[in-house]
Amino acid sequence: MKVRNSLKSLKGRHRDNRVIRRKGRVYVINKTNRRFKARQG
């Protein structure tokens, strides 16, 4: 999992990416291709 300042660019890397907020942190997760994971905050 990568820690990034901006997740908007990472969201566009794969069409199944989702931006999700959990416990005050913002995540990019992908159910089909699990290597596209990132966290902010």
Protein backbone atom coordinates (compact mmCIF):
# COMPACT_ATOMS: atom_id res chain seq x y z
CA MET A 1 0.00 0.00 0.00
CA LYS A 2 1.31 3.41 -0.98
CA VAL A 3 0.83 6.58 1.06
CA ARG A 4 0.16 9.57 -1.19
CA ASN A 5 -0.84 13.22 -0.99
CA SER A 6 -3.25 13.10 -3.91
CA LEU A 7 -5.37 10.05 -4.64
CA LYS A 8 -7.24 11.50 -7.59
CA SER A 9 -4.48 10.58 -10.03
CA LEU A 10 -4.26 7.05 -8.64
CA LYS A 11 -7.99 6.58 -9.06
CA GLY A 12 -7.62 6.92 -12.83
CA ARG A 13 -5.05 4.17 -13.19
CA HIS A 14 -7.64 1.38 -13.28
CA ARG A 15 -11.35 1.48 -14.00
CA ASP A 16 -12.30 -0.51 -10.86
CA ASN A 17 -10.58 1.82 -8.41
CA ARG A 18 -12.78 3.29 -5.67
CA VAL A 19 -12.03 6.15 -3.27
CA ILE A 20 -13.34 5.25 0.20
CA ARG A 21 -13.20 7.08 3.53
CA ARG A 22 -12.65 4.96 6.64
CA LYS A 23 -11.84 6.24 10.15
CA GLY A 24 -10.66 9.64 8.93
CA ARG A 25 -8.40 8.22 6.25
CA VAL A 26 -8.96 8.14 2.52
CA TYR A 27 -8.22 4.92 0.64
CA VAL A 28 -8.10 3.78 -2.96
CA ILE A 29 -9.09 0.13 -3.13
CA ASN A 30 -9.63 -2.23 -6.01
CA LYS A 31 -11.47 -5.53 -5.68
CA THR A 32 -10.33 -7.04 -8.97
CA ASN A 33 -6.69 -5.90 -9.11
CA ARG A 34 -5.44 -5.72 -5.54
CA ARG A 35 -2.10 -4.05 -6.25
CA PHE A 36 -3.80 -0.68 -6.73
CA LYS A 37 -4.02 0.25 -3.06
CA ALA A 38 -3.21 3.63 -1.59
CA ARG A 39 -3.85 5.62 1.56
CA GLN A 40 -3.99 9.31 2.40
CA GLY A 41 -3.95 10.95 5.82
